Every structure is written in C-alpha cells, then in structure tokens.
Amino acid sequence: MATPITEPFDLLRLSLAERVFVKLRGDRELRGTLHAYDGHMNLIMGDVEESTYVVDVDESGEVGSGVRVSVQWRAACADLVAQAGHRPGL
C-alpha cells in the first residue's frame, strides 16, 4: 500500500535521494538531488542546476523576449552535509 501524502514533510521524506524541482521567488528554479531537509524546510541538495528567467526591456519600456539562464552547481554534497551537521529528515 502506498504511503499517503497528507502534509508537505511527507512529500519531502518520500523525495529523499530523488531528483526534485524547486521553484523560488524571483523567477529562480532549482533542479537537483534532495539529500536532507530540516523543520524549517531548508534543503540540502546535490548536483544542482539553477535557472533564472531574464526578460529584456528596451528603452521604450516594451518587454522583449525572455531568456533562460542556467548555472550548474556541483559539489561534494556529503561534505556539505557533514559541515552543516544535518542528518536526513531532521
């Protein structure tokens, strides 16, 4: 039987070690592997790709075309987790 998802932390718990998509304020998005989280919903992720949507505005104030800018962040997540003192799910 599948585990029911009744609150946000249920979804986080089931998403550990999975690739996740996180939408942030300011037209920013993160895609990466979820390694840990805490009660404040701080996330520790690895192999993260950050995307930002940039809109060009010309001199007249007209909105031009949008451009998606992506940056890859690769770090040794195990080192980051150990330094932060976080344990998965805490």
PDB file of N, CA and C in Angstrom:
ATOM      1  N   MET A   1       0.842  -1.174   0.000  1.00  0.00           N
ATOM      2  CA  MET A   1       0.000   0.000   0.000  1.00  0.00           C
ATOM      3  C   MET A   1       0.895   1.247   0.000  1.00  0.00           C
ATOM      4  N   ALA A   2       0.541   2.214  -0.781  1.00  0.00           N
ATOM      5  CA  ALA A   2       1.318   3.447  -0.888  1.00  0.00           C
ATOM      6  C   ALA A   2       1.137   4.302   0.361  1.00  0.00           C
ATOM      7  N   THR A   3       2.202   5.002   0.723  1.00  0.00           N
ATOM      8  CA  THR A   3       2.154   5.902   1.867  1.00  0.00           C
ATOM      9  C   THR A   3       1.405   7.165   1.469  1.00  0.00           C
ATOM     10  N   PRO A   4       0.361   7.544   2.218  1.00  0.00           N
ATOM     11  CA  PRO A   4      -0.381   8.761   1.857  1.00  0.00           C
ATOM     12  C   PRO A   4       0.438  10.020   2.148  1.00  0.00           C
ATOM     13  N   ILE A   5       0.272  11.020   1.305  1.00  0.00           N
ATOM     14  CA  ILE A   5       0.919  12.305   1.499  1.00  0.00           C
ATOM     15  C   ILE A   5      -0.140  13.261   2.010  1.00  0.00           C
ATOM     16  N   THR A   6      -0.038  13.610   3.296  1.00  0.00           N
ATOM     17  CA  THR A   6      -1.044  14.488   3.900  1.00  0.00           C
ATOM     18  C   THR A   6      -0.496  15.855   4.260  1.00  0.00           C
ATOM     19  N   GLU A   7       0.835  15.971   4.369  1.00  0.00           N
ATOM     20  CA  GLU A   7       1.444  17.264   4.650  1.00  0.00           C
ATOM     21  C   GLU A   7       2.756  17.393   3.882  1.00  0.00           C
ATOM     22  N   PRO A   8       3.255  18.620   3.730  1.00  0.00           N
ATOM     23  CA  PRO A   8       4.457  18.839   2.910  1.00  0.00           C
ATOM     24  C   PRO A   8       5.657  17.999   3.323  1.00  0.00           C
ATOM     25  N   PHE A   9       5.852  17.769   4.614  1.00  0.00           N
ATOM     26  CA  PHE A   9       7.004  16.992   5.051  1.00  0.00           C
ATOM     27  C   PHE A   9       6.916  15.533   4.611  1.00  0.00           C
ATOM     28  N   ASP A  10       5.710  15.013   4.401  1.00  0.00           N
ATOM     29  CA  ASP A  10       5.571  13.660   3.861  1.00  0.00           C
ATOM     30  C   ASP A  10       6.186  13.584   2.472  1.00  0.00           C
ATOM     31  N   LEU A  11       5.918  14.585   1.666  1.00  0.00           N
ATOM     32  CA  LEU A  11       6.463  14.618   0.310  1.00  0.00           C
ATOM     33  C   LEU A  11       7.985  14.748   0.337  1.00  0.00           C
ATOM     34  N   LEU A  12       8.504  15.589   1.228  1.00  0.00           N
ATOM     35  CA  LEU A  12       9.960  15.723   1.353  1.00  0.00           C
ATOM     36  C   LEU A  12      10.594  14.393   1.753  1.00  0.00           C
ATOM     37  N   ARG A  13      10.015  13.727   2.733  1.00  0.00           N
ATOM     38  CA  ARG A  13      10.553  12.448   3.209  1.00  0.00           C
ATOM     39  C   ARG A  13      10.596  11.419   2.078  1.00  0.00           C
ATOM     40  N   LEU A  14       9.542  11.370   1.289  1.00  0.00           N
ATOM     41  CA  LEU A  14       9.486  10.410   0.183  1.00  0.00           C
ATOM     42  C   LEU A  14      10.391  10.803  -0.980  1.00  0.00           C
ATOM     43  N   SER A  15      10.840  12.074  -1.007  1.00  0.00           N
ATOM     44  CA  SER A  15      11.675  12.565  -2.109  1.00  0.00           C
ATOM     45  C   SER A  15      13.169  12.511  -1.815  1.00  0.00           C
ATOM     46  N   LEU A  16      13.554  12.048  -0.612  1.00  0.00           N
ATOM     47  CA  LEU A  16      14.980  11.956  -0.296  1.00  0.00           C
ATOM     48  C   LEU A  16      15.684  11.052  -1.300  1.00  0.00           C
ATOM     49  N   ALA A  17      16.858  11.479  -1.753  1.00  0.00           N
ATOM     50  CA  ALA A  17      17.692  10.767  -2.734  1.00  0.00           C
ATOM     51  C   ALA A  17      17.070  10.754  -4.132  1.00  0.00           C
ATOM     52  N   GLU A  18      16.063  11.582  -4.365  1.00  0.00           N
ATOM     53  CA  GLU A  18      15.415  11.689  -5.675  1.00  0.00           C
ATOM     54  C   GLU A  18      15.743  13.040  -6.300  1.00  0.00           C
ATOM     55  N   ARG A  19      15.635  13.134  -7.645  1.00  0.00           N
ATOM     56  CA  ARG A  19      15.764  14.424  -8.333  1.00  0.00           C
ATOM     57  C   ARG A  19      14.481  15.204  -8.076  1.00  0.00           C
ATOM     58  N   VAL A  20      14.629  16.457  -7.653  1.00  0.00           N
ATOM     59  CA  VAL A  20      13.474  17.301  -7.341  1.00  0.00           C
ATOM     60  C   VAL A  20      13.579  18.626  -8.091  1.00  0.00           C
ATOM     61  N   PHE A  21      12.453  19.295  -8.217  1.00  0.00           N
ATOM     62  CA  PHE A  21      12.347  20.611  -8.841  1.00  0.00           C
ATOM     63  C   PHE A  21      11.834  21.563  -7.775  1.00  0.00           C
ATOM     64  N   VAL A  22      12.569  22.668  -7.540  1.00  0.00           N
ATOM     65  CA  VAL A  22      12.187  23.648  -6.521  1.00  0.00           C
ATOM     66  C   VAL A  22      12.024  24.994  -7.204  1.00  0.00           C
ATOM     67  N   LYS A  23      10.857  25.612  -7.087  1.00  0.00           N
ATOM     68  CA  LYS A  23      10.599  26.936  -7.660  1.00  0.00           C
ATOM     69  C   LYS A  23      10.735  27.958  -6.552  1.00  0.00           C
ATOM     70  N   LEU A  24      11.572  28.974  -6.787  1.00  0.00           N
ATOM     71  CA  LEU A  24      11.847  30.006  -5.804  1.00  0.00           C
ATOM     72  C   LEU A  24      11.301  31.343  -6.256  1.00  0.00           C
ATOM     73  N   ARG A  25      11.292  32.311  -5.345  1.00  0.00           N
ATOM     74  CA  ARG A  25      10.915  33.671  -5.722  1.00  0.00           C
ATOM     75  C   ARG A  25      11.944  34.237  -6.694  1.00  0.00           C
ATOM     76  N   GLY A  26      11.545  35.286  -7.406  1.00  0.00           N
ATOM     77  CA  GLY A  26      12.472  35.954  -8.305  1.00  0.00           C
ATOM     78  C   GLY A  26      12.739  35.182  -9.582  1.00  0.00           C
ATOM     79  N   ASP A  27      11.775  34.380 -10.025  1.00  0.00           N
ATOM     80  CA  ASP A  27      11.899  33.602 -11.261  1.00  0.00           C
ATOM     81  C   ASP A  27      13.127  32.697 -11.257  1.00  0.00           C
ATOM     82  N   ARG A  28      13.444  32.109 -10.100  1.00  0.00           N
ATOM     83  CA  ARG A  28      14.553  31.171  -9.988  1.00  0.00           C
ATOM     84  C   ARG A  28      14.003  29.774  -9.790  1.00  0.00           C
ATOM     85  N   GLU A  29      14.710  28.795 -10.355  1.00  0.00           N
ATOM     86  CA  GLU A  29      14.324  27.397 -10.228  1.00  0.00           C
ATOM     87  C   GLU A  29      15.573  26.574  -9.938  1.00  0.00           C
ATOM     88  N   LEU A  30      15.408  25.527  -9.133  1.00  0.00           N
ATOM     89  CA  LEU A  30      16.493  24.601  -8.834  1.00  0.00           C
ATOM     90  C   LEU A  30      16.060  23.197  -9.204  1.00  0.00           C
ATOM     91  N   ARG A  31      16.969  22.451  -9.797  1.00  0.00           N
ATOM     92  CA  ARG A  31      16.764  21.027 -10.061  1.00  0.00           C
ATOM     93  C   ARG A  31      17.979  20.308  -9.510  1.00  0.00           C
ATOM     94  N   GLY A  32      17.751  19.304  -8.680  1.00  0.00           N
ATOM     95  CA  GLY A  32      18.879  18.572  -8.111  1.00  0.00           C
ATOM     96  C   GLY A  32      18.401  17.408  -7.273  1.00  0.00           C
ATOM     97  N   THR A  33      19.352  16.728  -6.651  1.00  0.00           N
ATOM     98  CA  THR A  33      19.058  15.572  -5.807  1.00  0.00           C
ATOM     99  C   THR A  33      18.896  16.032  -4.365  1.00  0.00           C
ATOM    100  N   LEU A  34      17.771  15.690  -3.755  1.00  0.00           N
ATOM    101  CA  LEU A  34      17.483  16.069  -2.371  1.00  0.00           C
ATOM    102  C   LEU A  34      18.205  15.107  -1.432  1.00  0.00           C
ATOM    103  N   HIS A  35      19.096  15.661  -0.585  1.00  0.00           N
ATOM    104  CA  HIS A  35      19.857  14.834   0.353  1.00  0.00           C
ATOM    105  C   HIS A  35      19.353  14.964   1.784  1.00  0.00           C
ATOM    106  N   ALA A  36      18.881  16.139   2.173  1.00  0.00           N
ATOM    107  CA  ALA A  36      18.421  16.326   3.553  1.00  0.00           C
ATOM    108  C   ALA A  36      17.531  17.566   3.627  1.00  0.00           C
ATOM    109  N   TYR A  37      16.790  17.675   4.719  1.00  0.00           N
ATOM    110  CA  TYR A  37      15.949  18.838   4.979  1.00  0.00           C
ATOM    111  C   TYR A  37      15.783  18.966   6.486  1.00  0.00           C
ATOM    112  N   ASP A  38      15.285  20.121   6.929  1.00  0.00           N
ATOM    113  CA  ASP A  38      15.024  20.296   8.357  1.00  0.00           C
ATOM    114  C   ASP A  38      13.607  20.828   8.557  1.00  0.00           C
ATOM    115  N   GLY A  39      13.265  21.123   9.788  1.00  0.00           N
ATOM    116  CA  GLY A  39      11.919  21.566  10.139  1.00  0.00           C
ATOM    117  C   GLY A  39      11.543  22.932   9.593  1.00  0.00           C
ATOM    118  N   HIS A  40      12.532  23.687   9.127  1.00  0.00           N
ATOM    119  CA  HIS A  40      12.271  24.993   8.521  1.00  0.00           C
ATOM    120  C   HIS A  40      12.186  24.895   6.998  1.00  0.00           C
ATOM    121  N   MET A  41      12.262  23.680   6.489  1.00  0.00           N
ATOM    122  CA  MET A  41      12.272  23.384   5.047  1.00  0.00           C
ATOM    123  C   MET A  41      13.519  23.911   4.348  1.00  0.00           C
ATOM    124  N   ASN A  42      14.623  24.019   5.091  1.00  0.00           N
ATOM    125  CA  ASN A  42      15.907  24.243   4.442  1.00  0.00           C
ATOM    126  C   ASN A  42      16.265  22.935   3.754  1.00  0.00           C
ATOM    127  N   LEU A  43      16.745  23.018   2.540  1.00  0.00           N
ATOM    128  CA  LEU A  43      17.054  21.825   1.765  1.00  0.00           C
ATOM    129  C   LEU A  43      18.547  21.726   1.510  1.00  0.00           C
ATOM    130  N   ILE A  44      19.069  20.521   1.587  1.00  0.00           N
ATOM    131  CA  ILE A  44      20.441  20.248   1.160  1.00  0.00           C
ATOM    132  C   ILE A  44      20.325  19.385  -0.078  1.00  0.00           C
ATOM    133  N   MET A  45      20.869  19.919  -1.185  1.00  0.00           N
ATOM    134  CA  MET A  45      20.744  19.256  -2.480  1.00  0.00           C
ATOM    135  C   MET A  45      22.121  19.103  -3.117  1.00  0.00           C
ATOM    136  N   GLY A  46      22.252  18.144  -3.994  1.00  0.00           N
ATOM    137  CA  GLY A  46      23.489  17.939  -4.733  1.00  0.00           C
ATOM    138  C   GLY A  46      23.222  17.957  -6.222  1.00  0.00           C
ATOM    139  N   ASP A  47      24.287  18.131  -7.007  1.00  0.00           N
ATOM    140  CA  ASP A  47      24.184  18.200  -8.475  1.00  0.00           C
ATOM    141  C   ASP A  47      23.066  19.144  -8.887  1.00  0.00           C
ATOM    142  N   VAL A  48      23.139  20.359  -8.406  1.00  0.00           N
ATOM    143  CA  VAL A  48      22.058  21.331  -8.595  1.00  0.00           C
ATOM    144  C   VAL A  48      22.277  22.155  -9.853  1.00  0.00           C
ATOM    145  N   GLU A  49      21.204  22.345 -10.595  1.00  0.00           N
ATOM    146  CA  GLU A  49      21.190  23.269 -11.722  1.00  0.00           C
ATOM    147  C   GLU A  49      20.231  24.384 -11.355  1.00  0.00           C
ATOM    148  N   GLU A  50      20.729  25.638 -11.366  1.00  0.00           N
ATOM    149  CA  GLU A  50      19.902  26.789 -11.060  1.00  0.00           C
ATOM    150  C   GLU A  50      19.564  27.495 -12.361  1.00  0.00           C
ATOM    151  N   SER A  51      18.291  27.794 -12.563  1.00  0.00           N
ATOM    152  CA  SER A  51      17.843  28.519 -13.749  1.00  0.00           C
ATOM    153  C   SER A  51      17.180  29.816 -13.318  1.00  0.00           C
ATOM    154  N   THR A  52      17.452  30.869 -14.073  1.00  0.00           N
ATOM    155  CA  THR A  52      16.837  32.172 -13.832  1.00  0.00           C
ATOM    156  C   THR A  52      16.238  32.650 -15.137  1.00  0.00           C
ATOM    157  N   TYR A  53      15.033  33.185 -15.078  1.00  0.00           N
ATOM    158  CA  TYR A  53      14.368  33.695 -16.275  1.00  0.00           C
ATOM    159  C   TYR A  53      14.604  35.191 -16.343  1.00  0.00           C
ATOM    160  N   VAL A  54      15.271  35.631 -17.389  1.00  0.00           N
ATOM    161  CA  VAL A  54      15.613  37.039 -17.566  1.00  0.00           C
ATOM    162  C   VAL A  54      14.791  37.600 -18.709  1.00  0.00           C
ATOM    163  N   VAL A  55      14.128  38.742 -18.491  1.00  0.00           N
ATOM    164  CA  VAL A  55      13.314  39.374 -19.525  1.00  0.00           C
ATOM    165  C   VAL A  55      13.995  40.663 -19.954  1.00  0.00           C
ATOM    166  N   ASP A  56      14.189  40.826 -21.258  1.00  0.00           N
ATOM    167  CA  ASP A  56      14.781  42.043 -21.801  1.00  0.00           C
ATOM    168  C   ASP A  56      13.714  43.130 -21.913  1.00  0.00           C
ATOM    169  N   VAL A  57      14.070  44.348 -21.506  1.00  0.00           N
ATOM    170  CA  VAL A  57      13.189  45.501 -21.652  1.00  0.00           C
ATOM    171  C   VAL A  57      13.954  46.553 -22.439  1.00  0.00           C
ATOM    172  N   ASP A  58      13.355  47.018 -23.551  1.00  0.00           N
ATOM    173  CA  ASP A  58      14.051  48.021 -24.362  1.00  0.00           C
ATOM    174  C   ASP A  58      13.863  49.421 -23.780  1.00  0.00           C
ATOM    175  N   GLU A  59      14.447  50.429 -24.435  1.00  0.00           N
ATOM    176  CA  GLU A  59      14.411  51.800 -23.927  1.00  0.00           C
ATOM    177  C   GLU A  59      12.998  52.350 -23.776  1.00  0.00           C
ATOM    178  N   SER A  60      12.062  51.889 -24.602  1.00  0.00           N
ATOM    179  CA  SER A  60      10.689  52.390 -24.531  1.00  0.00           C
ATOM    180  C   SER A  60       9.880  51.730 -23.418  1.00  0.00           C
ATOM    181  N   GLY A  61      10.473  50.730 -22.756  1.00  0.00           N
ATOM    182  CA  GLY A  61       9.767  50.043 -21.685  1.00  0.00           C
ATOM    183  C   GLY A  61       9.014  48.817 -22.161  1.00  0.00           C
ATOM    184  N   GLU A  62       9.120  48.502 -23.460  1.00  0.00           N
ATOM    185  CA  GLU A  62       8.465  47.314 -24.001  1.00  0.00           C
ATOM    186  C   GLU A  62       9.223  46.061 -23.565  1.00  0.00           C
ATOM    187  N   VAL A  63       8.461  45.064 -23.214  1.00  0.00           N
ATOM    188  CA  VAL A  63       9.070  43.796 -22.814  1.00  0.00           C
ATOM    189  C   VAL A  63       9.462  43.028 -24.058  1.00  0.00           C
ATOM    190  N   GLY A  64      10.713  42.614 -24.091  1.00  0.00           N
ATOM    191  CA  GLY A  64      11.218  41.838 -25.228  1.00  0.00           C
ATOM    192  C   GLY A  64      11.122  40.353 -24.937  1.00  0.00           C
ATOM    193  N   SER A  65      11.976  39.611 -25.568  1.00  0.00           N
ATOM    194  CA  SER A  65      11.959  38.159 -25.403  1.00  0.00           C
ATOM    195  C   SER A  65      12.597  37.768 -24.076  1.00  0.00           C
ATOM    196  N   GLY A  66      12.183  36.632 -23.556  1.00  0.00           N
ATOM    197  CA  GLY A  66      12.751  36.106 -22.318  1.00  0.00           C
ATOM    198  C   GLY A  66      13.873  35.138 -22.623  1.00  0.00           C
ATOM    199  N   VAL A  67      14.815  35.088 -21.731  1.00  0.00           N
ATOM    200  CA  VAL A  67      15.959  34.201 -21.881  1.00  0.00           C
ATOM    201  C   VAL A  67      16.119  33.416 -20.591  1.00  0.00           C
ATOM    202  N   ARG A  68      16.267  32.112 -20.706  1.00  0.00           N
ATOM    203  CA  ARG A  68      16.510  31.277 -19.528  1.00  0.00           C
ATOM    204  C   ARG A  68      18.013  31.101 -19.385  1.00  0.00           C
ATOM    205  N   VAL A  69      18.546  31.467 -18.229  1.00  0.00           N
ATOM    206  CA  VAL A  69      19.967  31.337 -17.939  1.00  0.00           C
ATOM    207  C   VAL A  69      20.123  30.222 -16.915  1.00  0.00           C
ATOM    208  N   SER A  70      20.969  29.238 -17.224  1.00  0.00           N
ATOM    209  CA  SER A  70      21.168  28.111 -16.316  1.00  0.00           C
ATOM    210  C   SER A  70      22.607  28.058 -15.845  1.00  0.00           C
ATOM    211  N   VAL A  71      22.772  27.714 -14.573  1.00  0.00           N
ATOM    212  CA  VAL A  71      24.091  27.544 -13.982  1.00  0.00           C
ATOM    213  C   VAL A  71      24.109  26.198 -13.285  1.00  0.00           C
ATOM    214  N   GLN A  72      25.146  25.412 -13.518  1.00  0.00           N
ATOM    215  CA  GLN A  72      25.278  24.110 -12.867  1.00  0.00           C
ATOM    216  C   GLN A  72      26.116  24.261 -11.608  1.00  0.00           C
ATOM    217  N   TRP A  73      25.638  23.735 -10.492  1.00  0.00           N
ATOM    218  CA  TRP A  73      26.392  23.737  -9.243  1.00  0.00           C
ATOM    219  C   TRP A  73      26.684  22.294  -8.889  1.00  0.00           C
ATOM    220  N   ARG A  74      27.934  21.933  -8.880  1.00  0.00           N
ATOM    221  CA  ARG A  74      28.308  20.571  -8.497  1.00  0.00           C
ATOM    222  C   ARG A  74      29.272  20.663  -7.322  1.00  0.00           C
ATOM    223  N   ALA A  75      28.915  19.991  -6.244  1.00  0.00           N
ATOM    224  CA  ALA A  75      29.770  20.000  -5.061  1.00  0.00           C
ATOM    225  C   ALA A  75      29.669  18.649  -4.384  1.00  0.00           C
ATOM    226  N   ALA A  76      30.599  18.380  -3.542  1.00  0.00           N
ATOM    227  CA  ALA A  76      30.561  17.137  -2.776  1.00  0.00           C
ATOM    228  C   ALA A  76      29.522  17.314  -1.679  1.00  0.00           C
ATOM    229  N   CYS A  77      28.334  16.833  -1.940  1.00  0.00           N
ATOM    230  CA  CYS A  77      27.216  17.062  -1.012  1.00  0.00           C
ATOM    231  C   CYS A  77      27.476  16.421   0.339  1.00  0.00           C
ATOM    232  N   ALA A  78      28.122  15.276   0.376  1.00  0.00           N
ATOM    233  CA  ALA A  78      28.387  14.623   1.658  1.00  0.00           C
ATOM    234  C   ALA A  78      29.221  15.536   2.548  1.00  0.00           C
ATOM    235  N   ASP A  79      30.181  16.262   1.962  1.00  0.00           N
ATOM    236  CA  ASP A  79      30.989  17.200   2.736  1.00  0.00           C
ATOM    237  C   ASP A  79      30.127  18.337   3.253  1.00  0.00           C
ATOM    238  N   LEU A  80      29.223  18.859   2.416  1.00  0.00           N
ATOM    239  CA  LEU A  80      28.358  19.957   2.833  1.00  0.00           C
ATOM    240  C   LEU A  80      27.439  19.526   3.968  1.00  0.00           C
ATOM    241  N   VAL A  81      26.904  18.317   3.873  1.00  0.00           N
ATOM    242  CA  VAL A  81      26.007  17.814   4.908  1.00  0.00           C
ATOM    243  C   VAL A  81      26.774  17.657   6.217  1.00  0.00           C
ATOM    244  N   ALA A  82      27.976  17.096   6.152  1.00  0.00           N
ATOM    245  CA  ALA A  82      28.771  16.884   7.365  1.00  0.00           C
ATOM    246  C   ALA A  82      29.138  18.220   8.005  1.00  0.00           C
ATOM    247  N   GLN A  83      29.503  19.211   7.193  1.00  0.00           N
ATOM    248  CA  GLN A  83      29.880  20.508   7.728  1.00  0.00           C
ATOM    249  C   GLN A  83      28.690  21.197   8.393  1.00  0.00           C
ATOM    250  N   ALA A  84      27.503  21.026   7.811  1.00  0.00           N
ATOM    251  CA  ALA A  84      26.313  21.683   8.351  1.00  0.00           C
ATOM    252  C   ALA A  84      25.767  20.945   9.568  1.00  0.00           C
ATOM    253  N   GLY A  85      26.189  19.694   9.760  1.00  0.00           N
ATOM    254  CA  GLY A  85      25.694  18.923  10.891  1.00  0.00           C
ATOM    255  C   GLY A  85      24.277  18.430  10.701  1.00  0.00           C
ATOM    256  N   HIS A  86      23.783  18.392   9.465  1.00  0.00           N
ATOM    257  CA  HIS A  86      22.422  17.931   9.189  1.00  0.00           C
ATOM    258  C   HIS A  86      22.404  16.438   8.980  1.00  0.00           C
ATOM    259  N   ARG A  87      21.303  15.854   9.382  1.00  0.00           N
ATOM    260  CA  ARG A  87      21.041  14.456   9.086  1.00  0.00           C
ATOM    261  C   ARG A  87      19.727  14.397   8.313  1.00  0.00           C
ATOM    262  N   PRO A  88      19.623  13.500   7.320  1.00  0.00           N
ATOM    263  CA  PRO A  88      18.398  13.447   6.504  1.00  0.00           C
ATOM    264  C   PRO A  88      17.145  13.348   7.361  1.00  0.00           C
ATOM    265  N   GLY A  89      16.196  14.203   7.034  1.00  0.00           N
ATOM    266  CA  GLY A  89      14.902  14.163   7.682  1.00  0.00           C
ATOM    267  C   GLY A  89      14.825  14.896   9.009  1.00  0.00           C
ATOM    268  N   LEU A  90      15.903  15.535   9.434  1.00  0.00           N
ATOM    269  CA  LEU A  90      15.866  16.230  10.730  1.00  0.00           C
ATOM    270  C   LEU A  90      15.805  17.715  10.543  1.00  0.00           C
TER     271      LEU A  90
END
